[in-house]
N, C-alpha and C. Protein backbone atom coordinates (compact mmCIF):
# COMPACT_ATOMS: atom_id res chain seq x y z
N MET A 1 65.36 88.50 147.89
CA MET A 1 66.61 88.39 147.15
C MET A 1 67.77 88.69 148.09
N THR A 2 68.78 87.89 148.06
CA THR A 2 69.93 88.11 148.92
C THR A 2 70.97 88.95 148.20
N ASN A 3 71.74 89.66 148.99
CA ASN A 3 72.81 90.48 148.45
C ASN A 3 73.96 89.56 148.02
N PRO A 4 74.47 89.72 146.80
CA PRO A 4 75.59 88.86 146.37
C PRO A 4 76.81 89.03 147.26
N GLU A 5 77.65 88.04 147.27
CA GLU A 5 78.92 88.11 148.00
C GLU A 5 79.66 89.36 147.53
N PRO A 6 80.14 90.19 148.48
CA PRO A 6 80.80 91.44 148.08
C PRO A 6 81.93 91.27 147.07
N LYS A 7 82.69 90.20 147.17
CA LYS A 7 83.81 90.02 146.25
C LYS A 7 83.36 89.94 144.80
N THR A 8 82.14 89.47 144.56
CA THR A 8 81.64 89.38 143.19
C THR A 8 81.29 90.75 142.62
N LYS A 9 81.17 91.74 143.48
CA LYS A 9 80.83 93.08 143.05
C LYS A 9 82.07 93.95 142.81
N LEU A 10 83.24 93.44 143.17
CA LEU A 10 84.50 94.14 142.96
C LEU A 10 85.00 93.80 141.57
N VAL A 11 84.99 94.79 140.68
CA VAL A 11 85.31 94.54 139.27
C VAL A 11 86.27 95.59 138.75
N THR A 12 86.79 95.32 137.57
CA THR A 12 87.64 96.29 136.89
C THR A 12 86.79 97.15 135.97
N LEU A 13 87.34 98.25 135.54
CA LEU A 13 86.65 99.09 134.57
C LEU A 13 86.41 98.31 133.28
N ALA A 14 87.36 97.47 132.90
CA ALA A 14 87.20 96.66 131.68
C ALA A 14 85.97 95.76 131.78
N THR A 15 85.73 95.17 132.94
CA THR A 15 84.55 94.33 133.14
C THR A 15 83.28 95.14 132.98
N LEU A 16 83.26 96.34 133.56
CA LEU A 16 82.10 97.21 133.43
C LEU A 16 81.86 97.62 131.98
N LEU A 17 82.93 97.91 131.27
CA LEU A 17 82.80 98.31 129.87
C LEU A 17 82.21 97.17 129.03
N ALA A 18 82.58 95.95 129.37
CA ALA A 18 82.04 94.80 128.64
C ALA A 18 80.54 94.64 128.86
N GLN A 19 80.04 95.07 130.00
CA GLN A 19 78.62 94.96 130.33
C GLN A 19 77.80 96.17 129.86
N ARG A 20 78.45 97.30 129.64
CA ARG A 20 77.74 98.55 129.38
C ARG A 20 76.81 98.48 128.18
N ALA A 21 77.26 97.89 127.09
CA ALA A 21 76.41 97.81 125.88
C ALA A 21 75.14 97.01 126.16
N LEU A 22 75.27 95.93 126.92
CA LEU A 22 74.10 95.13 127.26
C LEU A 22 73.12 95.94 128.11
N TRP A 23 73.62 96.64 129.11
CA TRP A 23 72.75 97.46 129.95
C TRP A 23 72.03 98.51 129.12
N ARG A 24 72.73 99.08 128.15
CA ARG A 24 72.13 100.10 127.28
C ARG A 24 71.01 99.46 126.45
N GLN A 25 71.28 98.29 125.88
CA GLN A 25 70.26 97.58 125.09
C GLN A 25 69.03 97.24 125.94
N GLN A 26 69.25 96.92 127.18
CA GLN A 26 68.16 96.56 128.09
C GLN A 26 67.41 97.79 128.61
N GLY A 27 67.89 98.97 128.28
CA GLY A 27 67.25 100.19 128.74
C GLY A 27 67.47 100.46 130.22
N ARG A 28 68.53 99.89 130.77
CA ARG A 28 68.81 100.07 132.19
C ARG A 28 69.59 101.37 132.40
N THR A 29 69.21 102.11 133.43
CA THR A 29 69.87 103.37 133.76
C THR A 29 71.05 103.09 134.68
N VAL A 30 72.23 103.47 134.20
CA VAL A 30 73.46 103.27 134.95
C VAL A 30 73.82 104.56 135.67
N VAL A 31 74.02 104.45 136.98
CA VAL A 31 74.37 105.58 137.83
C VAL A 31 75.79 105.36 138.34
N TRP A 32 76.56 106.41 138.35
CA TRP A 32 77.96 106.37 138.81
C TRP A 32 78.16 107.41 139.90
N THR A 33 78.92 107.05 140.90
CA THR A 33 79.44 108.01 141.85
C THR A 33 80.83 107.54 142.22
N ASN A 34 81.61 108.42 142.80
CA ASN A 34 82.98 108.04 143.15
C ASN A 34 83.47 108.87 144.32
N GLY A 35 84.56 108.42 144.91
CA GLY A 35 85.17 109.14 146.01
C GLY A 35 86.21 108.30 146.71
N CYS A 36 86.73 108.86 147.79
CA CYS A 36 87.76 108.17 148.58
C CYS A 36 87.13 107.15 149.53
N PHE A 37 86.01 107.49 150.15
CA PHE A 37 85.32 106.62 151.09
C PHE A 37 86.29 106.07 152.14
N ASP A 38 87.12 106.97 152.68
CA ASP A 38 88.18 106.55 153.58
C ASP A 38 87.66 105.95 154.88
N LEU A 39 86.69 106.58 155.49
CA LEU A 39 86.00 106.01 156.65
C LEU A 39 84.52 106.01 156.29
N LEU A 40 83.98 104.86 156.03
CA LEU A 40 82.58 104.77 155.62
C LEU A 40 81.69 105.26 156.76
N HIS A 41 80.81 106.21 156.47
CA HIS A 41 79.96 106.81 157.50
C HIS A 41 78.55 107.05 156.97
N THR A 42 77.68 107.55 157.84
CA THR A 42 76.28 107.76 157.52
C THR A 42 76.09 108.69 156.32
N GLY A 43 76.92 109.70 156.20
CA GLY A 43 76.83 110.61 155.06
C GLY A 43 77.06 109.88 153.75
N HIS A 44 78.05 108.98 153.74
CA HIS A 44 78.29 108.17 152.54
C HIS A 44 77.07 107.31 152.23
N LEU A 45 76.56 106.64 153.25
CA LEU A 45 75.43 105.74 153.04
C LEU A 45 74.22 106.50 152.49
N GLN A 46 73.94 107.67 153.04
CA GLN A 46 72.82 108.46 152.55
C GLN A 46 73.00 108.79 151.07
N SER A 47 74.19 109.23 150.69
CA SER A 47 74.46 109.56 149.29
C SER A 47 74.34 108.35 148.38
N LEU A 48 74.85 107.22 148.83
CA LEU A 48 74.78 106.01 148.01
C LEU A 48 73.33 105.55 147.82
N LEU A 49 72.54 105.64 148.87
CA LEU A 49 71.12 105.27 148.75
C LEU A 49 70.40 106.21 147.79
N GLN A 50 70.70 107.49 147.87
CA GLN A 50 70.08 108.46 146.96
C GLN A 50 70.51 108.21 145.52
N ALA A 51 71.79 107.92 145.32
CA ALA A 51 72.28 107.64 143.97
C ALA A 51 71.63 106.38 143.41
N ALA A 52 71.54 105.35 144.22
CA ALA A 52 70.95 104.09 143.76
C ALA A 52 69.50 104.27 143.34
N ALA A 53 68.80 105.16 144.02
CA ALA A 53 67.38 105.39 143.71
C ALA A 53 67.18 106.07 142.36
N LEU A 54 68.24 106.61 141.77
CA LEU A 54 68.13 107.32 140.50
C LEU A 54 68.18 106.39 139.28
N GLY A 55 68.51 105.12 139.49
CA GLY A 55 68.64 104.25 138.33
C GLY A 55 68.54 102.79 138.68
N ASP A 56 69.01 101.97 137.76
CA ASP A 56 68.93 100.51 137.90
C ASP A 56 70.22 99.88 138.39
N ILE A 57 71.34 100.48 138.07
CA ILE A 57 72.65 99.92 138.41
C ILE A 57 73.49 101.04 139.01
N LEU A 58 74.00 100.83 140.23
CA LEU A 58 74.88 101.81 140.86
C LEU A 58 76.30 101.28 140.86
N ILE A 59 77.18 102.05 140.23
CA ILE A 59 78.60 101.74 140.18
C ILE A 59 79.33 102.79 141.01
N VAL A 60 80.21 102.32 141.89
CA VAL A 60 80.98 103.23 142.74
C VAL A 60 82.46 103.11 142.39
N GLY A 61 83.05 104.23 142.01
CA GLY A 61 84.48 104.30 141.78
C GLY A 61 85.16 104.72 143.08
N VAL A 62 86.17 103.97 143.49
CA VAL A 62 86.90 104.23 144.73
C VAL A 62 88.32 104.65 144.39
N ASN A 63 88.73 105.79 144.90
CA ASN A 63 90.10 106.23 144.66
C ASN A 63 91.09 105.25 145.27
N SER A 64 92.13 104.92 144.51
CA SER A 64 93.18 104.04 145.01
C SER A 64 93.92 104.72 146.16
N ASP A 65 94.72 103.95 146.88
CA ASP A 65 95.50 104.52 147.98
C ASP A 65 96.42 105.64 147.49
N ALA A 66 97.08 105.41 146.36
CA ALA A 66 97.99 106.43 145.82
C ALA A 66 97.22 107.70 145.46
N SER A 67 96.05 107.54 144.88
CA SER A 67 95.22 108.69 144.52
C SER A 67 94.77 109.45 145.77
N VAL A 68 94.36 108.74 146.80
CA VAL A 68 93.94 109.40 148.05
C VAL A 68 95.10 110.20 148.64
N ARG A 69 96.30 109.63 148.63
CA ARG A 69 97.46 110.37 149.15
C ARG A 69 97.68 111.66 148.38
N ARG A 70 97.54 111.59 147.05
CA ARG A 70 97.72 112.80 146.25
C ARG A 70 96.64 113.84 146.55
N LEU A 71 95.42 113.38 146.79
CA LEU A 71 94.29 114.29 147.01
C LEU A 71 94.19 114.80 148.44
N LYS A 72 94.51 113.93 149.42
CA LYS A 72 94.23 114.25 150.83
C LYS A 72 95.48 114.44 151.67
N GLY A 73 96.65 114.04 151.17
CA GLY A 73 97.88 114.19 151.94
C GLY A 73 98.46 112.86 152.38
N SER A 74 99.67 112.93 152.90
CA SER A 74 100.44 111.72 153.21
C SER A 74 99.88 110.91 154.37
N ASN A 75 99.02 111.49 155.19
CA ASN A 75 98.43 110.75 156.31
C ASN A 75 97.18 109.97 155.91
N ARG A 76 96.80 110.05 154.69
CA ARG A 76 95.61 109.35 154.21
C ARG A 76 96.03 108.41 153.09
N PRO A 77 95.34 107.37 152.85
CA PRO A 77 94.07 107.00 153.47
C PRO A 77 94.27 106.34 154.84
N ILE A 78 93.21 106.32 155.60
CA ILE A 78 93.20 105.63 156.88
C ILE A 78 93.07 104.13 156.62
N CYS A 79 92.17 103.79 155.72
CA CYS A 79 91.88 102.38 155.38
C CYS A 79 92.40 102.06 153.98
N HIS A 80 92.92 100.86 153.81
CA HIS A 80 93.46 100.39 152.53
C HIS A 80 92.35 100.33 151.48
N GLN A 81 92.72 100.52 150.23
CA GLN A 81 91.75 100.53 149.13
C GLN A 81 90.93 99.25 149.04
N ALA A 82 91.55 98.10 149.30
CA ALA A 82 90.81 96.84 149.23
C ALA A 82 89.73 96.78 150.31
N ASP A 83 90.04 97.30 151.50
CA ASP A 83 89.06 97.32 152.58
C ASP A 83 87.92 98.29 152.26
N ARG A 84 88.26 99.47 151.74
CA ARG A 84 87.24 100.46 151.40
C ARG A 84 86.31 99.92 150.32
N ALA A 85 86.89 99.30 149.32
CA ALA A 85 86.08 98.75 148.22
C ALA A 85 85.19 97.61 148.71
N TYR A 86 85.73 96.76 149.56
CA TYR A 86 84.95 95.62 150.08
C TYR A 86 83.75 96.09 150.91
N LEU A 87 83.97 97.09 151.78
CA LEU A 87 82.87 97.62 152.58
C LEU A 87 81.76 98.18 151.69
N LEU A 88 82.13 98.91 150.66
CA LEU A 88 81.13 99.45 149.74
C LEU A 88 80.39 98.33 149.01
N ALA A 89 81.14 97.33 148.58
CA ALA A 89 80.53 96.21 147.85
C ALA A 89 79.55 95.43 148.73
N ALA A 90 79.74 95.48 150.02
CA ALA A 90 78.84 94.76 150.93
C ALA A 90 77.48 95.43 151.08
N LEU A 91 77.36 96.67 150.63
CA LEU A 91 76.09 97.39 150.74
C LEU A 91 75.12 96.92 149.65
N ALA A 92 73.89 96.67 150.05
CA ALA A 92 72.88 96.18 149.10
C ALA A 92 72.59 97.18 147.99
N CYS A 93 72.72 98.47 148.27
CA CYS A 93 72.41 99.49 147.26
C CYS A 93 73.48 99.62 146.19
N VAL A 94 74.65 99.05 146.40
CA VAL A 94 75.77 99.15 145.47
C VAL A 94 75.83 97.88 144.62
N ASP A 95 75.86 98.06 143.30
CA ASP A 95 75.92 96.92 142.39
C ASP A 95 77.34 96.52 142.02
N PHE A 96 78.20 97.51 141.79
CA PHE A 96 79.58 97.23 141.42
C PHE A 96 80.50 98.29 142.00
N VAL A 97 81.73 97.89 142.29
CA VAL A 97 82.77 98.79 142.80
C VAL A 97 84.03 98.55 141.99
N CYS A 98 84.65 99.64 141.57
CA CYS A 98 85.95 99.51 140.92
C CYS A 98 86.91 100.53 141.51
N ILE A 99 88.16 100.19 141.58
CA ILE A 99 89.19 101.07 142.13
C ILE A 99 89.81 101.87 140.99
N LEU A 100 89.92 103.17 141.22
CA LEU A 100 90.46 104.09 140.21
C LEU A 100 91.80 104.64 140.65
N ASP A 101 92.79 104.59 139.77
CA ASP A 101 94.10 105.15 140.08
C ASP A 101 94.18 106.63 139.78
N ASP A 102 93.28 107.13 138.93
CA ASP A 102 93.28 108.55 138.57
C ASP A 102 92.70 109.38 139.70
N ASP A 103 93.10 110.65 139.75
CA ASP A 103 92.60 111.54 140.79
C ASP A 103 91.18 112.01 140.52
N THR A 104 90.77 111.98 139.27
CA THR A 104 89.40 112.34 138.90
C THR A 104 88.80 111.17 138.11
N PRO A 105 87.48 111.14 138.02
CA PRO A 105 86.84 110.06 137.27
C PRO A 105 86.70 110.35 135.77
N VAL A 106 87.34 111.38 135.27
CA VAL A 106 87.15 111.81 133.88
C VAL A 106 87.37 110.66 132.90
N ALA A 107 88.49 109.97 133.00
CA ALA A 107 88.78 108.89 132.04
C ALA A 107 87.75 107.76 132.15
N ALA A 108 87.40 107.38 133.36
CA ALA A 108 86.42 106.30 133.54
C ALA A 108 85.07 106.70 132.98
N LEU A 109 84.64 107.92 133.26
CA LEU A 109 83.35 108.40 132.76
C LEU A 109 83.32 108.48 131.24
N SER A 110 84.41 108.93 130.64
CA SER A 110 84.43 109.05 129.18
C SER A 110 84.32 107.69 128.51
N ARG A 111 84.80 106.66 129.16
CA ARG A 111 84.72 105.32 128.58
C ARG A 111 83.41 104.62 128.93
N LEU A 112 82.99 104.69 130.18
CA LEU A 112 81.80 103.97 130.64
C LEU A 112 80.51 104.68 130.24
N GLN A 113 80.52 105.99 130.23
CA GLN A 113 79.37 106.81 129.87
C GLN A 113 78.10 106.43 130.64
N PRO A 114 78.15 106.53 131.97
CA PRO A 114 76.93 106.26 132.74
C PRO A 114 75.87 107.31 132.42
N ASP A 115 74.63 106.92 132.57
CA ASP A 115 73.53 107.84 132.29
C ASP A 115 73.51 109.00 133.28
N ILE A 116 73.83 108.70 134.54
CA ILE A 116 73.82 109.71 135.60
C ILE A 116 75.11 109.64 136.40
N HIS A 117 75.72 110.80 136.59
CA HIS A 117 76.92 110.92 137.42
C HIS A 117 76.53 111.73 138.64
N CYS A 118 76.71 111.18 139.83
CA CYS A 118 76.30 111.84 141.07
C CYS A 118 77.49 112.51 141.76
N LYS A 119 77.24 113.73 142.20
CA LYS A 119 78.23 114.52 142.95
C LYS A 119 77.54 115.07 144.19
N GLY A 120 78.33 115.44 145.18
CA GLY A 120 77.80 116.08 146.36
C GLY A 120 77.35 117.50 146.04
N GLU A 121 76.41 118.00 146.84
CA GLU A 121 75.86 119.34 146.58
C GLU A 121 76.90 120.45 146.67
N GLU A 122 78.04 120.17 147.28
CA GLU A 122 79.09 121.20 147.36
C GLU A 122 79.67 121.52 145.97
N TYR A 123 79.32 120.72 144.95
CA TYR A 123 79.76 120.96 143.58
C TYR A 123 78.69 121.65 142.74
N ALA A 124 77.50 121.85 143.30
CA ALA A 124 76.38 122.38 142.53
C ALA A 124 76.63 123.83 142.09
N PRO A 125 76.36 124.10 140.82
CA PRO A 125 76.43 125.49 140.34
C PRO A 125 75.37 126.34 141.03
N PRO A 126 75.51 127.60 141.12
CA PRO A 126 76.58 128.38 140.50
C PRO A 126 77.78 128.60 141.41
N HIS A 127 77.70 128.24 142.69
CA HIS A 127 78.77 128.57 143.62
C HIS A 127 79.58 127.36 144.09
N GLY A 128 79.33 126.21 143.50
CA GLY A 128 80.00 124.99 143.94
C GLY A 128 81.43 124.87 143.45
N LYS A 129 82.10 123.87 143.96
CA LYS A 129 83.47 123.57 143.53
C LYS A 129 83.46 123.22 142.04
N PRO A 130 84.59 123.44 141.36
CA PRO A 130 84.65 123.08 139.93
C PRO A 130 84.46 121.57 139.71
N ILE A 131 83.81 121.23 138.61
CA ILE A 131 83.58 119.83 138.26
C ILE A 131 84.36 119.54 136.98
N GLN A 132 85.51 118.91 137.15
CA GLN A 132 86.38 118.63 136.01
C GLN A 132 85.72 117.71 134.98
N GLU A 133 84.83 116.85 135.46
CA GLU A 133 84.23 115.87 134.56
C GLU A 133 82.99 116.39 133.82
N MET A 134 82.56 117.61 134.12
CA MET A 134 81.33 118.13 133.50
C MET A 134 81.38 118.12 131.96
N PRO A 135 82.46 118.58 131.32
CA PRO A 135 82.48 118.57 129.86
C PRO A 135 82.35 117.15 129.27
N VAL A 136 82.96 116.18 129.92
CA VAL A 136 82.89 114.80 129.42
C VAL A 136 81.47 114.27 129.50
N VAL A 137 80.82 114.47 130.64
CA VAL A 137 79.45 113.99 130.83
C VAL A 137 78.51 114.69 129.85
N ALA A 138 78.69 115.98 129.66
CA ALA A 138 77.86 116.72 128.71
C ALA A 138 78.08 116.22 127.28
N ALA A 139 79.33 115.90 126.93
CA ALA A 139 79.65 115.48 125.57
C ALA A 139 78.94 114.19 125.17
N TYR A 140 78.77 113.26 126.10
CA TYR A 140 78.08 112.02 125.73
C TYR A 140 76.59 112.05 126.06
N GLY A 141 76.09 113.17 126.57
CA GLY A 141 74.66 113.32 126.83
C GLY A 141 74.20 112.81 128.17
N GLY A 142 75.13 112.63 129.11
CA GLY A 142 74.76 112.18 130.45
C GLY A 142 74.26 113.33 131.32
N GLN A 143 73.79 112.98 132.49
CA GLN A 143 73.31 113.97 133.46
C GLN A 143 74.23 113.97 134.68
N ILE A 144 74.33 115.12 135.32
CA ILE A 144 74.99 115.21 136.62
C ILE A 144 73.92 115.58 137.63
N ARG A 145 73.83 114.80 138.69
CA ARG A 145 72.88 115.07 139.77
C ARG A 145 73.66 115.40 141.03
N PHE A 146 73.18 116.38 141.76
CA PHE A 146 73.84 116.83 142.98
C PHE A 146 73.05 116.33 144.18
N LEU A 147 73.73 115.59 145.04
CA LEU A 147 73.08 114.97 146.18
C LEU A 147 73.35 115.77 147.45
N PRO A 148 72.33 115.95 148.29
CA PRO A 148 72.53 116.70 149.53
C PRO A 148 73.49 115.99 150.48
N ARG A 149 74.24 116.78 151.19
CA ARG A 149 75.17 116.25 152.21
C ARG A 149 74.48 116.20 153.55
N LEU A 150 74.91 115.29 154.36
CA LEU A 150 74.42 115.19 155.73
C LEU A 150 75.40 115.98 156.60
N PRO A 151 74.99 117.13 157.15
CA PRO A 151 75.91 117.97 157.92
C PRO A 151 76.59 117.20 159.05
N GLY A 152 77.88 117.50 159.22
CA GLY A 152 78.64 116.88 160.30
C GLY A 152 79.11 115.46 160.01
N HIS A 153 78.88 115.00 158.79
CA HIS A 153 79.24 113.63 158.42
C HIS A 153 80.18 113.63 157.22
N ALA A 154 81.35 114.15 157.42
CA ALA A 154 82.41 114.10 156.42
C ALA A 154 83.61 113.42 157.06
N THR A 155 84.35 112.67 156.27
CA THR A 155 85.49 111.93 156.80
C THR A 155 86.49 112.86 157.49
N THR A 156 86.80 113.99 156.86
CA THR A 156 87.76 114.92 157.45
C THR A 156 87.27 115.43 158.81
N GLU A 157 85.97 115.73 158.91
CA GLU A 157 85.40 116.17 160.19
C GLU A 157 85.51 115.08 161.25
N ILE A 158 85.24 113.85 160.87
CA ILE A 158 85.33 112.73 161.82
C ILE A 158 86.77 112.56 162.30
N ILE A 159 87.72 112.65 161.40
CA ILE A 159 89.14 112.52 161.77
C ILE A 159 89.52 113.66 162.72
N GLN A 160 89.06 114.86 162.44
CA GLN A 160 89.37 116.01 163.32
C GLN A 160 88.76 115.82 164.70
N ARG A 161 87.55 115.30 164.79
CA ARG A 161 86.91 115.05 166.10
C ARG A 161 87.68 113.97 166.86
N LEU A 162 88.13 112.94 166.17
CA LEU A 162 88.90 111.89 166.82
C LEU A 162 90.23 112.43 167.35
N ALA A 163 90.89 113.27 166.55
CA ALA A 163 92.16 113.86 166.98
C ALA A 163 91.95 114.77 168.19
N ALA A 164 90.87 115.54 168.17
CA ALA A 164 90.58 116.42 169.31
C ALA A 164 90.28 115.62 170.56
N ALA A 165 89.55 114.54 170.42
CA ALA A 165 89.23 113.68 171.57
C ALA A 165 90.49 113.04 172.14
N GLU A 166 91.42 112.69 171.28
CA GLU A 166 92.68 112.08 171.72
C GLU A 166 93.52 113.07 172.52
N ARG A 167 93.44 114.35 172.16
CA ARG A 167 94.22 115.39 172.84
C ARG A 167 93.68 115.69 174.24
N THR A 168 92.40 115.39 174.48
CA THR A 168 91.81 115.74 175.79
C THR A 168 91.99 114.64 176.80
């Protein structure tokens, strides 16, 4: 089976919502993950492969450029949202990609109600970062799964290494 053209995997939340009832009827497990994906790296790929293995359909929410600026600062994103979304859509493990203008996926999750919402292990209780979307996922009966991070493979770390290399 060949991987579909990446552009066909770039969809709106409305398109996903129109498909959700059918996937539920078919008994397909929908998995969601999201993030900035500013510089696609091995850590991202590992997480996406792990998320895809948890279900039948992997949907990736990508923060819009405006959202990344609010979350990461005025020097980000490095790559435009259309480029980030296209790169993700080109991956065989990703079924659909949608761009989110919100800083958190709360609104998208409350509407789409994926069976599994994937987060990085840095959010895992009891000592992880707060998960704003936890009450929404719990309310509709979804699961949150925490995926291990690949040490040394974070976008911010890569940017810092590049800046340090430039200074030398």
